[in-house]
């Protein structure tokens, strides 16, 4: 099975590009230039300029920080929340599991993106608000996967022996469940990063996400709606960043999932 070295390289490059790019490319992401409106890519402006004359490369670098922070932090929180709730439900079973199922069904009653739209319409969007909202609307899939795997682990003879021996439930969860559930968590996390970036981009594209003067790849992309016919570069470059990140993360997730399945087959 081929390892996703190229995808890992792309992810690392984009992270370095976003968080260290301003040290090498010093043009301002906020400076307006009335004489340089919608200039195509050139040596002076490698990604061109937008409809206010702002340097697009500088804005893509600056917006990448926000998009990646939202994506990584939201994915970490939602995956961790799904891990804790799913493992607890699968381990304790009974009323705890029933409550978990009801809570998941309640969240899944509405499509995630429409739930995001409903929540964001009542608060002013910011990085912290978007992280919170994307996190609490994105843990259900991870939770269900973890719960299913936890049920399987709970049925193992060695877990039953540990329970009979009176080993504390916390110790069993941390020492025996955590290593077995880790592959699912990492797969969910990599998928979650791409999903969170797409969710933020979708909200920003609709004008409900990051607002000026802050920027993200999605908010930059939203400004391209009115100028796509005459300035293709305004939408292409932030769109490519979103595509490369999500595509690379999907490749990494697929590799982790296949590796995890092979290990389970060998153990079985």
Foldseek 3Di string as FASTA:
>chain_A
DDALPVLVVLQVVLVCCQPVVCVVPVFDQPDFDPVQALAPADPVQNLGAHRRNGRLSNQASQQAVLLQVLLQLLLLLLLVVLLVLLLVCLQVPDPSVVVLVVVLVVLVVDPLLVQLVVVLVVDQADSVVLSVSSSVSQNSVSNVVNNVVNNVVCPDPVVVVCVVVVPDPVCCCVPPVCVLCVLSSVLSSLQRSLVSSVSQLVCLLVVSHDDPPRHHLSVQLNSCPVPCVPRVSSNPVSVVSSVSSNVSSNSNSVVSVVVSVVVVVVVD
